[in-house]
């Protein structure tokens, strides 16, 4: 049984690769066999993976081509797909048909909110989502809850029928880890305890209730 997660937002720079690589790192450190699929032409996630030290829990790279068979290699338990900016139309439909969960990273800026609003409407028109075969949720990226922009983002998201799983703070830990092919979950727990705690609701949403197993696509 395979859990498959699409990380998507039509706007570039929204934090898709940060979210995708750290998800892959979490599951790899949990003992899962993880495939990190990169649908973006820039191949940011696969470039990050090339920097990953071989001594760390393995994450396998997978360059996903639209329209090609989507079966991951045998033995895979988790697939994380990092998608490109401007995702729409048949390409979006094809990716949705491959996954169980969609995570939408959003930063607290008007541009992110405007782009995401249209994207929400597109997703909610998808048959698989309307019939509860695929579920979507939002993760706030680089959020400082003390700022006005964070409050505006929270107000914006309350107007839409989309679950908000967590708010990830603006910290250089993500940048520093990424430069070495690492994730928060590869760093000493004492150094990243606060940030790992913010991920707990995300991974709980992705993991099914005990005894149900993964959704099989």
N, C-alpha and C. Protein backbone atom coordinates (compact mmCIF):
# COMPACT_ATOMS: atom_id res chain seq x y z
N UNK A 1 0.84 -1.18 0.00
CA UNK A 1 0.00 0.00 0.00
C UNK A 1 0.89 1.25 0.00
N UNK A 2 0.56 2.21 -0.84
CA UNK A 2 1.42 3.38 -1.03
C UNK A 2 0.67 4.66 -0.68
N UNK A 3 1.28 5.52 0.12
CA UNK A 3 0.77 6.86 0.35
C UNK A 3 1.38 7.77 -0.69
N UNK A 4 0.56 8.52 -1.43
CA UNK A 4 1.08 9.44 -2.44
C UNK A 4 0.59 10.85 -2.17
N UNK A 5 1.54 11.79 -2.15
CA UNK A 5 1.26 13.17 -1.77
C UNK A 5 1.75 14.10 -2.87
N UNK A 6 0.88 14.98 -3.33
CA UNK A 6 1.25 16.02 -4.30
C UNK A 6 1.39 17.34 -3.57
N UNK A 7 2.55 18.00 -3.73
CA UNK A 7 2.76 19.33 -3.18
C UNK A 7 2.61 20.31 -4.33
N UNK A 8 1.61 21.18 -4.25
CA UNK A 8 1.27 22.00 -5.42
C UNK A 8 0.83 23.40 -5.04
N UNK A 9 1.24 24.34 -5.87
CA UNK A 9 0.76 25.72 -5.83
C UNK A 9 1.16 26.32 -7.17
N UNK A 10 0.26 27.03 -7.86
CA UNK A 10 0.59 27.55 -9.18
C UNK A 10 1.65 28.64 -9.18
N UNK A 11 1.91 29.24 -8.01
CA UNK A 11 2.87 30.33 -7.94
C UNK A 11 4.27 29.82 -7.59
N UNK A 12 5.26 30.29 -8.31
CA UNK A 12 6.63 29.96 -7.98
C UNK A 12 7.06 30.61 -6.68
N UNK A 13 8.00 29.97 -5.97
CA UNK A 13 8.51 30.55 -4.74
C UNK A 13 7.59 30.43 -3.55
N UNK A 14 6.62 29.54 -3.62
CA UNK A 14 5.66 29.41 -2.51
C UNK A 14 6.15 28.46 -1.42
N UNK A 15 7.23 27.73 -1.67
CA UNK A 15 7.77 26.81 -0.68
C UNK A 15 7.49 25.35 -0.99
N UNK A 16 7.16 25.05 -2.25
CA UNK A 16 6.83 23.66 -2.61
C UNK A 16 7.99 22.71 -2.36
N UNK A 17 9.18 23.07 -2.83
CA UNK A 17 10.32 22.16 -2.68
C UNK A 17 10.73 22.00 -1.23
N UNK A 18 10.64 23.08 -0.45
CA UNK A 18 10.94 22.98 0.98
C UNK A 18 9.98 22.01 1.65
N UNK A 19 8.71 22.13 1.33
CA UNK A 19 7.71 21.24 1.93
C UNK A 19 7.91 19.81 1.46
N UNK A 20 8.14 19.62 0.16
CA UNK A 20 8.29 18.27 -0.39
C UNK A 20 9.52 17.55 0.15
N UNK A 21 10.66 18.23 0.18
CA UNK A 21 11.89 17.58 0.64
C UNK A 21 11.83 17.25 2.13
N UNK A 22 11.24 18.14 2.92
CA UNK A 22 11.15 17.85 4.36
C UNK A 22 10.13 16.75 4.65
N UNK A 23 9.07 16.66 3.85
CA UNK A 23 8.16 15.52 3.99
C UNK A 23 8.89 14.22 3.70
N UNK A 24 9.66 14.22 2.61
CA UNK A 24 10.42 13.03 2.26
C UNK A 24 11.39 12.66 3.38
N UNK A 25 12.02 13.69 3.97
CA UNK A 25 12.95 13.45 5.07
C UNK A 25 12.27 12.88 6.29
N UNK A 26 11.07 13.36 6.59
CA UNK A 26 10.33 12.84 7.74
C UNK A 26 10.03 11.35 7.55
N UNK A 27 9.48 10.99 6.40
CA UNK A 27 9.10 9.60 6.18
C UNK A 27 10.32 8.69 6.09
N UNK A 28 11.40 9.18 5.49
CA UNK A 28 12.63 8.37 5.42
C UNK A 28 13.15 8.08 6.82
N UNK A 29 13.12 9.10 7.68
CA UNK A 29 13.59 8.91 9.06
C UNK A 29 12.63 8.07 9.88
N UNK A 30 11.41 7.86 9.38
CA UNK A 30 10.43 7.00 10.06
C UNK A 30 10.53 5.56 9.59
N UNK A 31 11.45 5.28 8.67
CA UNK A 31 11.65 3.92 8.20
C UNK A 31 10.91 3.57 6.93
N UNK A 32 10.23 4.53 6.30
CA UNK A 32 9.53 4.26 5.05
C UNK A 32 10.50 4.26 3.88
N UNK A 33 10.14 3.53 2.81
CA UNK A 33 10.88 3.60 1.56
C UNK A 33 10.24 4.71 0.73
N UNK A 34 10.97 5.80 0.55
CA UNK A 34 10.41 7.03 0.00
C UNK A 34 10.91 7.29 -1.41
N UNK A 35 9.97 7.65 -2.29
CA UNK A 35 10.31 8.14 -3.63
C UNK A 35 9.97 9.63 -3.66
N UNK A 36 10.93 10.46 -4.02
CA UNK A 36 10.72 11.89 -4.19
C UNK A 36 10.63 12.16 -5.68
N UNK A 37 9.42 12.41 -6.15
CA UNK A 37 9.21 12.65 -7.57
C UNK A 37 9.24 14.13 -7.88
N UNK A 38 9.92 14.51 -8.94
CA UNK A 38 10.03 15.92 -9.32
C UNK A 38 9.41 16.12 -10.69
N UNK A 39 8.31 16.88 -10.73
CA UNK A 39 7.62 17.15 -11.98
C UNK A 39 8.03 18.51 -12.54
N UNK A 40 8.81 19.26 -11.77
CA UNK A 40 9.23 20.61 -12.16
C UNK A 40 10.44 20.54 -13.09
N UNK A 41 10.41 21.33 -14.16
CA UNK A 41 11.55 21.35 -15.09
C UNK A 41 12.84 21.81 -14.43
N UNK A 42 12.73 22.64 -13.40
CA UNK A 42 13.93 23.10 -12.70
C UNK A 42 14.59 21.99 -11.89
N UNK A 43 13.82 20.94 -11.59
CA UNK A 43 14.34 19.77 -10.87
C UNK A 43 14.98 20.15 -9.53
N UNK A 44 14.36 21.10 -8.83
CA UNK A 44 14.93 21.57 -7.56
C UNK A 44 15.06 20.46 -6.54
N UNK A 45 14.03 19.62 -6.43
CA UNK A 45 14.06 18.56 -5.42
C UNK A 45 15.13 17.52 -5.74
N UNK A 46 15.27 17.17 -7.02
CA UNK A 46 16.28 16.18 -7.39
C UNK A 46 17.70 16.74 -7.26
N UNK A 47 17.86 18.03 -7.49
CA UNK A 47 19.17 18.65 -7.26
C UNK A 47 19.50 18.62 -5.77
N UNK A 48 18.49 18.88 -4.95
CA UNK A 48 18.69 18.79 -3.49
C UNK A 48 19.08 17.36 -3.12
N UNK A 49 18.40 16.40 -3.71
CA UNK A 49 18.65 15.00 -3.38
C UNK A 49 20.07 14.58 -3.75
N UNK A 50 20.63 15.17 -4.80
CA UNK A 50 22.00 14.86 -5.21
C UNK A 50 23.02 15.31 -4.16
N UNK A 51 22.63 16.26 -3.30
CA UNK A 51 23.53 16.73 -2.24
C UNK A 51 23.40 15.90 -0.96
N UNK A 52 22.43 15.00 -0.91
CA UNK A 52 22.13 14.31 0.34
C UNK A 52 23.23 13.30 0.69
N UNK A 53 23.79 13.37 1.90
CA UNK A 53 24.84 12.43 2.30
C UNK A 53 24.34 10.99 2.29
N UNK A 54 25.11 10.07 1.74
CA UNK A 54 24.66 8.67 1.63
C UNK A 54 24.45 7.97 2.96
N UNK A 55 25.01 8.49 4.03
CA UNK A 55 24.86 7.84 5.34
C UNK A 55 23.48 8.08 5.96
N UNK A 56 22.74 9.04 5.43
CA UNK A 56 21.42 9.35 5.98
C UNK A 56 20.36 8.39 5.45
N UNK A 57 19.20 8.32 6.12
CA UNK A 57 18.11 7.47 5.61
C UNK A 57 17.82 7.78 4.14
N UNK A 58 17.68 6.74 3.34
CA UNK A 58 17.60 6.89 1.89
C UNK A 58 16.30 7.52 1.42
N UNK A 59 16.43 8.40 0.44
CA UNK A 59 15.31 8.93 -0.32
C UNK A 59 15.65 8.71 -1.78
N UNK A 60 14.79 8.06 -2.51
CA UNK A 60 15.07 7.74 -3.90
C UNK A 60 14.43 8.77 -4.82
N UNK A 61 15.16 9.18 -5.84
CA UNK A 61 14.65 10.16 -6.78
C UNK A 61 13.87 9.53 -7.91
N UNK A 62 12.89 10.28 -8.40
CA UNK A 62 12.01 9.77 -9.46
C UNK A 62 11.57 10.94 -10.32
N UNK A 63 12.07 11.01 -11.55
CA UNK A 63 11.66 12.08 -12.46
C UNK A 63 10.36 11.67 -13.12
N UNK A 64 9.29 12.38 -12.79
CA UNK A 64 7.96 12.01 -13.25
C UNK A 64 7.63 12.76 -14.54
N UNK A 65 7.28 12.02 -15.58
CA UNK A 65 6.89 12.63 -16.85
C UNK A 65 5.38 12.56 -17.01
N UNK A 66 4.72 13.70 -17.29
CA UNK A 66 3.27 13.69 -17.47
C UNK A 66 2.85 12.74 -18.57
N UNK A 67 1.81 11.97 -18.31
CA UNK A 67 1.29 11.06 -19.32
C UNK A 67 1.91 9.68 -19.28
N UNK A 68 3.02 9.52 -18.55
CA UNK A 68 3.66 8.22 -18.45
C UNK A 68 3.10 7.44 -17.26
N UNK A 69 3.25 6.10 -17.25
CA UNK A 69 2.76 5.30 -16.13
C UNK A 69 3.30 5.81 -14.81
N UNK A 70 2.42 5.84 -13.80
CA UNK A 70 2.77 6.47 -12.53
C UNK A 70 3.12 5.48 -11.43
N UNK A 71 3.28 4.22 -11.77
CA UNK A 71 3.57 3.22 -10.74
C UNK A 71 4.96 3.42 -10.17
N UNK A 72 5.06 3.61 -8.85
CA UNK A 72 6.39 3.72 -8.23
C UNK A 72 7.06 2.35 -8.18
N UNK A 73 8.37 2.32 -7.99
CA UNK A 73 9.09 1.04 -7.89
C UNK A 73 8.53 0.17 -6.77
N UNK A 74 8.64 -1.13 -6.96
CA UNK A 74 8.13 -2.08 -5.98
C UNK A 74 8.77 -1.86 -4.61
N UNK A 75 7.96 -1.94 -3.57
CA UNK A 75 8.46 -1.77 -2.21
C UNK A 75 8.33 -0.36 -1.69
N UNK A 76 7.99 0.59 -2.56
CA UNK A 76 7.81 1.98 -2.13
C UNK A 76 6.60 2.09 -1.19
N UNK A 77 6.75 2.81 -0.10
CA UNK A 77 5.62 3.01 0.81
C UNK A 77 5.10 4.44 0.80
N UNK A 78 5.95 5.40 0.40
CA UNK A 78 5.54 6.81 0.33
C UNK A 78 6.09 7.45 -0.94
N UNK A 79 5.22 8.16 -1.65
CA UNK A 79 5.64 8.96 -2.81
C UNK A 79 5.29 10.41 -2.52
N UNK A 80 6.28 11.30 -2.68
CA UNK A 80 6.06 12.74 -2.55
C UNK A 80 6.38 13.37 -3.89
N UNK A 81 5.41 14.08 -4.49
CA UNK A 81 5.60 14.71 -5.79
C UNK A 81 5.71 16.22 -5.62
N UNK A 82 6.82 16.77 -6.10
CA UNK A 82 7.05 18.21 -6.10
C UNK A 82 6.65 18.72 -7.48
N UNK A 83 5.70 19.65 -7.55
CA UNK A 83 5.14 20.05 -8.84
C UNK A 83 5.64 21.42 -9.28
N UNK A 84 5.46 21.75 -10.56
CA UNK A 84 5.94 23.04 -11.09
C UNK A 84 4.97 24.18 -10.83
N UNK A 85 5.46 25.41 -10.99
CA UNK A 85 4.57 26.57 -10.98
C UNK A 85 3.70 26.53 -12.23
N UNK A 86 2.55 27.18 -12.17
CA UNK A 86 1.66 27.24 -13.33
C UNK A 86 0.95 25.94 -13.63
N UNK A 87 0.86 25.07 -12.66
CA UNK A 87 0.23 23.77 -12.88
C UNK A 87 -1.27 23.94 -13.12
N UNK A 88 -1.77 23.40 -14.24
CA UNK A 88 -3.19 23.51 -14.55
C UNK A 88 -3.56 22.52 -15.64
N UNK A 89 -4.84 22.50 -15.99
CA UNK A 89 -5.32 21.72 -17.13
C UNK A 89 -5.07 20.23 -17.01
N UNK A 90 -4.75 19.61 -18.14
CA UNK A 90 -4.58 18.17 -18.20
C UNK A 90 -3.42 17.69 -17.33
N UNK A 91 -2.40 18.52 -17.21
CA UNK A 91 -1.25 18.13 -16.40
C UNK A 91 -1.66 18.04 -14.93
N UNK A 92 -2.44 19.00 -14.48
CA UNK A 92 -2.95 18.97 -13.11
C UNK A 92 -3.85 17.76 -12.92
N UNK A 93 -4.75 17.52 -13.86
CA UNK A 93 -5.66 16.37 -13.77
C UNK A 93 -4.89 15.06 -13.67
N UNK A 94 -3.83 14.95 -14.49
CA UNK A 94 -3.02 13.72 -14.49
C UNK A 94 -2.38 13.48 -13.14
N UNK A 95 -1.85 14.53 -12.51
CA UNK A 95 -1.20 14.37 -11.22
C UNK A 95 -2.20 14.06 -10.12
N UNK A 96 -3.36 14.71 -10.16
CA UNK A 96 -4.38 14.43 -9.15
C UNK A 96 -4.82 12.97 -9.20
N UNK A 97 -4.85 12.40 -10.40
CA UNK A 97 -5.27 11.00 -10.54
C UNK A 97 -4.26 10.03 -9.93
N UNK A 98 -3.05 10.52 -9.60
CA UNK A 98 -2.00 9.66 -9.08
C UNK A 98 -1.90 9.66 -7.56
N UNK A 99 -2.59 10.59 -6.89
CA UNK A 99 -2.30 10.83 -5.47
C UNK A 99 -3.51 10.64 -4.56
N UNK A 100 -3.21 10.58 -3.27
CA UNK A 100 -4.23 10.48 -2.23
C UNK A 100 -4.43 11.82 -1.51
N UNK A 101 -3.36 12.60 -1.41
CA UNK A 101 -3.37 13.85 -0.66
C UNK A 101 -2.71 14.96 -1.48
N UNK A 102 -3.23 16.19 -1.32
CA UNK A 102 -2.63 17.38 -1.94
C UNK A 102 -2.33 18.37 -0.83
N UNK A 103 -1.07 18.79 -0.74
CA UNK A 103 -0.67 19.82 0.21
C UNK A 103 -0.36 21.10 -0.57
N UNK A 104 -0.95 22.21 -0.12
CA UNK A 104 -0.78 23.48 -0.81
C UNK A 104 -0.03 24.44 0.11
N UNK A 105 1.25 24.71 -0.18
CA UNK A 105 1.98 25.68 0.64
C UNK A 105 1.63 27.11 0.22
N UNK A 106 1.41 27.98 1.20
CA UNK A 106 1.07 29.37 0.93
C UNK A 106 1.87 30.28 1.85
N UNK A 107 2.47 31.32 1.28
CA UNK A 107 3.16 32.31 2.08
C UNK A 107 2.26 33.52 2.32
N UNK A 108 2.50 34.28 3.38
CA UNK A 108 1.63 35.41 3.73
C UNK A 108 1.90 36.64 2.88
N UNK A 109 1.54 36.57 1.61
CA UNK A 109 1.65 37.73 0.72
C UNK A 109 0.41 37.81 -0.14
N UNK A 110 0.01 39.00 -0.58
CA UNK A 110 -1.17 39.13 -1.43
C UNK A 110 -1.05 38.31 -2.72
N UNK A 111 0.15 38.23 -3.29
CA UNK A 111 0.34 37.50 -4.54
C UNK A 111 0.07 36.01 -4.36
N UNK A 112 0.55 35.46 -3.24
CA UNK A 112 0.29 34.05 -2.95
C UNK A 112 -1.19 33.79 -2.74
N UNK A 113 -1.84 34.70 -2.05
CA UNK A 113 -3.26 34.51 -1.76
C UNK A 113 -4.10 34.60 -3.03
N UNK A 114 -3.78 35.55 -3.90
CA UNK A 114 -4.54 35.68 -5.15
C UNK A 114 -4.37 34.44 -6.02
N UNK A 115 -3.13 33.98 -6.14
CA UNK A 115 -2.87 32.80 -6.97
C UNK A 115 -3.54 31.56 -6.38
N UNK A 116 -3.50 31.44 -5.06
CA UNK A 116 -4.05 30.26 -4.40
C UNK A 116 -5.56 30.22 -4.47
N UNK A 117 -6.20 31.39 -4.43
CA UNK A 117 -7.66 31.42 -4.47
C UNK A 117 -8.19 30.78 -5.75
N UNK A 118 -7.60 31.13 -6.87
CA UNK A 118 -8.02 30.53 -8.15
C UNK A 118 -7.71 29.04 -8.17
N UNK A 119 -6.57 28.68 -7.58
CA UNK A 119 -6.16 27.28 -7.55
C UNK A 119 -7.14 26.45 -6.71
N UNK A 120 -7.58 26.99 -5.59
CA UNK A 120 -8.59 26.30 -4.78
C UNK A 120 -9.83 25.98 -5.62
N UNK A 121 -10.29 26.98 -6.37
CA UNK A 121 -11.50 26.78 -7.18
C UNK A 121 -11.29 25.69 -8.22
N UNK A 122 -10.11 25.67 -8.83
CA UNK A 122 -9.80 24.64 -9.83
C UNK A 122 -9.83 23.25 -9.19
N UNK A 123 -9.18 23.14 -8.04
CA UNK A 123 -9.11 21.84 -7.37
C UNK A 123 -10.49 21.34 -6.96
N UNK A 124 -11.31 22.25 -6.44
CA UNK A 124 -12.63 21.85 -5.96
C UNK A 124 -13.56 21.44 -7.11
N UNK A 125 -13.18 21.77 -8.34
CA UNK A 125 -13.94 21.32 -9.50
C UNK A 125 -13.55 19.92 -9.94
N UNK A 126 -12.42 19.43 -9.42
CA UNK A 126 -11.94 18.10 -9.82
C UNK A 126 -12.83 17.01 -9.24
N UNK A 127 -13.18 16.06 -10.07
CA UNK A 127 -14.10 14.99 -9.69
C UNK A 127 -13.58 14.19 -8.49
N UNK A 128 -12.29 13.86 -8.52
CA UNK A 128 -11.72 13.04 -7.43
C UNK A 128 -11.82 13.75 -6.09
N UNK A 129 -11.69 15.07 -6.09
CA UNK A 129 -11.77 15.82 -4.84
C UNK A 129 -13.22 15.97 -4.40
N UNK A 130 -14.10 16.23 -5.35
CA UNK A 130 -15.52 16.37 -5.01
C UNK A 130 -16.09 15.08 -4.44
N UNK A 131 -15.57 13.94 -4.88
CA UNK A 131 -16.07 12.65 -4.41
C UNK A 131 -15.25 12.10 -3.24
N UNK A 132 -14.40 12.95 -2.66
CA UNK A 132 -13.59 12.57 -1.49
C UNK A 132 -12.68 11.38 -1.74
N UNK A 133 -12.18 11.28 -2.96
CA UNK A 133 -11.18 10.26 -3.25
C UNK A 133 -9.77 10.81 -3.04
N UNK A 134 -9.66 12.14 -3.14
CA UNK A 134 -8.40 12.84 -2.90
C UNK A 134 -8.72 14.00 -1.95
N UNK A 135 -7.85 14.22 -0.97
CA UNK A 135 -8.09 15.27 0.02
C UNK A 135 -6.99 16.33 -0.08
N UNK A 136 -7.36 17.58 0.15
CA UNK A 136 -6.37 18.65 0.07
C UNK A 136 -6.38 19.49 1.34
N UNK A 137 -5.23 20.10 1.64
CA UNK A 137 -5.09 20.95 2.82
C UNK A 137 -3.97 21.95 2.57
N UNK A 138 -3.93 22.98 3.42
CA UNK A 138 -2.98 24.07 3.28
C UNK A 138 -1.94 24.03 4.39
N UNK A 139 -0.70 24.42 4.05
CA UNK A 139 0.35 24.65 5.04
C UNK A 139 0.86 26.07 4.85
N UNK A 140 0.78 26.89 5.91
CA UNK A 140 1.32 28.24 5.86
C UNK A 140 2.84 28.19 5.96
N UNK A 141 3.53 28.86 5.02
CA UNK A 141 4.99 28.81 4.95
C UNK A 141 5.59 30.17 5.31
N UNK A 142 6.67 30.14 6.10
CA UNK A 142 7.41 31.35 6.47
C UNK A 142 6.48 32.35 7.15
N UNK A 143 5.75 31.87 8.12
CA UNK A 143 4.74 32.69 8.80
C UNK A 143 5.24 33.15 10.17
N UNK A 144 5.16 34.45 10.40
CA UNK A 144 5.38 35.01 11.73
C UNK A 144 4.01 35.45 12.23
N UNK A 145 3.43 34.73 13.21
CA UNK A 145 2.06 35.03 13.65
C UNK A 145 1.89 36.41 14.23
N UNK A 146 2.98 37.11 14.53
CA UNK A 146 2.88 38.44 15.13
C UNK A 146 2.63 39.52 14.09
N UNK A 147 2.76 39.19 12.81
CA UNK A 147 2.69 40.20 11.76
C UNK A 147 1.27 40.37 11.21
N UNK A 148 1.05 41.53 10.63
CA UNK A 148 -0.25 41.80 10.00
C UNK A 148 -0.48 40.88 8.82
N UNK A 149 0.58 40.60 8.05
CA UNK A 149 0.42 39.74 6.87
C UNK A 149 -0.02 38.34 7.26
N UNK A 150 0.46 37.85 8.40
CA UNK A 150 0.04 36.53 8.88
C UNK A 150 -1.44 36.54 9.24
N UNK A 151 -1.89 37.61 9.88
CA UNK A 151 -3.30 37.71 10.23
C UNK A 151 -4.18 37.81 8.99
N UNK A 152 -3.69 38.51 7.98
CA UNK A 152 -4.43 38.62 6.72
C UNK A 152 -4.51 37.26 6.02
N UNK A 153 -3.42 36.49 6.07
CA UNK A 153 -3.44 35.16 5.47
C UNK A 153 -4.42 34.26 6.21
N UNK A 154 -4.42 34.32 7.53
CA UNK A 154 -5.34 33.50 8.31
C UNK A 154 -6.79 33.86 7.99
N UNK A 155 -7.07 35.15 7.87
CA UNK A 155 -8.42 35.60 7.53
C UNK A 155 -8.82 35.13 6.15
N UNK A 156 -7.88 35.20 5.20
CA UNK A 156 -8.14 34.75 3.84
C UNK A 156 -8.49 33.27 3.80
N UNK A 157 -7.73 32.46 4.53
CA UNK A 157 -7.95 31.01 4.50
C UNK A 157 -9.26 30.61 5.18
N UNK A 158 -9.68 31.41 6.16
CA UNK A 158 -10.94 31.12 6.84
C UNK A 158 -12.14 31.27 5.89
N UNK A 159 -11.95 32.02 4.83
CA UNK A 159 -13.03 32.24 3.87
C UNK A 159 -13.20 31.07 2.89
N UNK A 160 -12.26 30.13 2.91
CA UNK A 160 -12.29 29.01 1.96
C UNK A 160 -12.44 27.69 2.72
N UNK A 161 -13.12 26.78 2.10
CA UNK A 161 -13.39 25.49 2.74
C UNK A 161 -12.23 24.53 2.55
N UNK A 162 -11.06 24.92 3.06
CA UNK A 162 -9.84 24.12 2.95
C UNK A 162 -9.18 24.04 4.32
N UNK A 163 -8.80 22.86 4.75
CA UNK A 163 -8.18 22.69 6.06
C UNK A 163 -6.79 23.33 6.08
N UNK A 164 -6.48 24.04 7.16
CA UNK A 164 -5.14 24.58 7.38
C UNK A 164 -4.47 23.71 8.44
N UNK A 165 -3.43 23.02 8.05
CA UNK A 165 -2.82 22.03 8.93
C UNK A 165 -1.85 22.65 9.93
N UNK A 166 -1.03 23.59 9.45
CA UNK A 166 0.00 24.13 10.33
C UNK A 166 0.56 25.42 9.74
N UNK A 167 1.28 26.15 10.60
CA UNK A 167 1.99 27.36 10.20
C UNK A 167 3.47 27.11 10.48
N UNK A 168 4.29 27.11 9.43
CA UNK A 168 5.73 26.90 9.59
C UNK A 168 6.42 28.25 9.63
N UNK A 169 7.22 28.46 10.65
CA UNK A 169 7.81 29.78 10.86
C UNK A 169 8.94 30.06 9.86
N UNK A 170 9.26 31.34 9.73
CA UNK A 170 10.34 31.79 8.86
C UNK A 170 11.65 31.62 9.62
N UNK A 171 12.42 30.59 9.24
CA UNK A 171 13.69 30.32 9.91
C UNK A 171 14.73 29.88 8.89
N UNK A 172 15.98 30.25 9.15
CA UNK A 172 17.07 29.87 8.25
C UNK A 172 17.44 28.40 8.37
N UNK A 173 16.85 27.70 9.32
CA UNK A 173 17.15 26.28 9.47
C UNK A 173 16.85 25.51 8.19
N UNK A 174 15.74 25.85 7.52
CA UNK A 174 15.37 25.15 6.29
C UNK A 174 16.42 25.40 5.19
N UNK A 175 16.85 26.64 5.08
CA UNK A 175 17.84 26.99 4.05
C UNK A 175 19.17 26.31 4.33
N UNK A 176 19.61 26.37 5.56
CA UNK A 176 20.89 25.78 5.94
C UNK A 176 20.88 24.27 5.74
N UNK A 177 19.78 23.63 6.10
CA UNK A 177 19.68 22.18 5.91
C UNK A 177 19.66 21.82 4.43
N UNK A 178 18.88 22.56 3.64
CA UNK A 178 18.73 22.25 2.22
C UNK A 178 20.07 22.32 1.49
N UNK A 179 20.92 23.26 1.85
CA UNK A 179 22.21 23.42 1.18
C UNK A 179 23.09 22.18 1.32
N UNK A 180 22.81 21.36 2.34
CA UNK A 180 23.60 20.15 2.59
C UNK A 180 22.85 18.87 2.23
N UNK A 181 21.68 19.02 1.59
CA UNK A 181 20.88 17.84 1.27
C UNK A 181 20.19 17.26 2.49
N UNK A 182 19.96 18.11 3.50
CA UNK A 182 19.36 17.65 4.75
C UNK A 182 17.94 18.20 4.90
N UNK A 183 17.23 17.69 5.90
CA UNK A 183 15.92 18.21 6.29
C UNK A 183 15.94 18.45 7.79
N UNK A 184 14.87 19.04 8.29
CA UNK A 184 14.76 19.23 9.74
C UNK A 184 14.90 17.92 10.49
N UNK A 185 14.46 16.84 9.84
CA UNK A 185 14.39 15.54 10.51
C UNK A 185 15.72 14.80 10.48
N UNK A 186 16.73 15.42 9.85
CA UNK A 186 18.09 14.88 9.87
C UNK A 186 18.95 15.62 10.88
N UNK A 187 18.45 16.74 11.39
CA UNK A 187 19.21 17.56 12.34
C UNK A 187 18.95 17.12 13.78
N UNK A 188 19.83 17.46 14.71
CA UNK A 188 19.63 17.07 16.11
C UNK A 188 18.29 17.58 16.63
N UNK A 189 17.55 16.70 17.29
CA UNK A 189 16.21 17.04 17.76
C UNK A 189 16.21 18.26 18.68
N UNK A 190 17.25 18.42 19.47
CA UNK A 190 17.31 19.55 20.40
C UNK A 190 17.40 20.89 19.67
N UNK A 191 17.95 20.87 18.47
CA UNK A 191 18.13 22.10 17.70
C UNK A 191 16.85 22.52 16.99
N UNK A 192 15.99 21.56 16.67
CA UNK A 192 14.82 21.85 15.83
C UNK A 192 13.50 21.44 16.49
N UNK A 193 13.49 21.29 17.80
CA UNK A 193 12.30 20.78 18.50
C UNK A 193 11.07 21.65 18.21
N UNK A 194 11.24 22.95 18.24
CA UNK A 194 10.11 23.86 18.01
C UNK A 194 9.54 23.68 16.60
N UNK A 195 10.42 23.56 15.63
CA UNK A 195 9.96 23.44 14.25
C UNK A 195 9.39 22.06 13.95
N UNK A 196 9.96 21.03 14.50
CA UNK A 196 9.39 19.69 14.31
C UNK A 196 7.98 19.61 14.89
N UNK A 197 7.75 20.29 16.00
CA UNK A 197 6.41 20.28 16.62
C UNK A 197 5.37 20.84 15.66
N UNK A 198 5.75 21.82 14.85
CA UNK A 198 4.82 22.42 13.90
C UNK A 198 4.46 21.47 12.77
N UNK A 199 5.27 20.45 12.56
CA UNK A 199 5.02 19.46 11.51
C UNK A 199 4.08 18.34 11.96
N UNK A 200 3.84 18.25 13.26
CA UNK A 200 3.10 17.10 13.78
C UNK A 200 1.70 16.99 13.18
N UNK A 201 0.99 18.09 13.08
CA UNK A 201 -0.37 18.03 12.52
C UNK A 201 -0.36 17.68 11.04
N UNK A 202 0.73 18.02 10.35
CA UNK A 202 0.84 17.69 8.92
C UNK A 202 0.96 16.19 8.74
N UNK A 203 1.90 15.59 9.46
CA UNK A 203 2.13 14.16 9.29
C UNK A 203 0.97 13.33 9.84
N UNK A 204 0.29 13.84 10.86
CA UNK A 204 -0.88 13.13 11.38
C UNK A 204 -2.02 13.13 10.36
N UNK A 205 -2.14 14.22 9.61
CA UNK A 205 -3.16 14.29 8.56
C UNK A 205 -2.84 13.33 7.42
N UNK A 206 -1.56 13.19 7.13
CA UNK A 206 -1.14 12.31 6.03
C UNK A 206 -1.23 10.84 6.41
N UNK A 207 -0.92 10.52 7.65
CA UNK A 207 -0.98 9.12 8.08
C UNK A 207 -2.42 8.75 8.42
N UNK A 208 -2.89 7.59 7.95
CA UNK A 208 -4.29 7.18 8.23
C UNK A 208 -4.45 6.71 9.67
N UNK A 209 -5.70 6.59 10.12
CA UNK A 209 -5.95 6.03 11.46
C UNK A 209 -5.35 4.64 11.57
N UNK A 210 -4.96 4.25 12.77
CA UNK A 210 -4.35 2.96 13.01
C UNK A 210 -5.24 1.83 12.48
N UNK A 211 -4.61 0.94 11.73
CA UNK A 211 -5.33 -0.23 11.22
C UNK A 211 -5.92 -0.09 9.84
N UNK A 212 -5.91 1.16 9.29
CA UNK A 212 -6.51 1.35 7.96
C UNK A 212 -5.51 1.16 6.84
N UNK A 213 -4.20 1.32 7.14
CA UNK A 213 -3.21 1.18 6.09
C UNK A 213 -3.24 2.37 5.15
N UNK A 214 -2.35 2.34 4.16
CA UNK A 214 -2.30 3.43 3.18
C UNK A 214 -3.42 3.26 2.16
N UNK A 215 -3.82 4.41 1.59
CA UNK A 215 -4.72 4.34 0.44
C UNK A 215 -3.93 3.79 -0.74
N UNK A 216 -4.51 2.92 -1.49
CA UNK A 216 -3.81 2.27 -2.60
C UNK A 216 -4.31 2.86 -3.91
N UNK A 217 -3.38 3.39 -4.69
CA UNK A 217 -3.73 3.99 -5.98
C UNK A 217 -3.29 3.06 -7.09
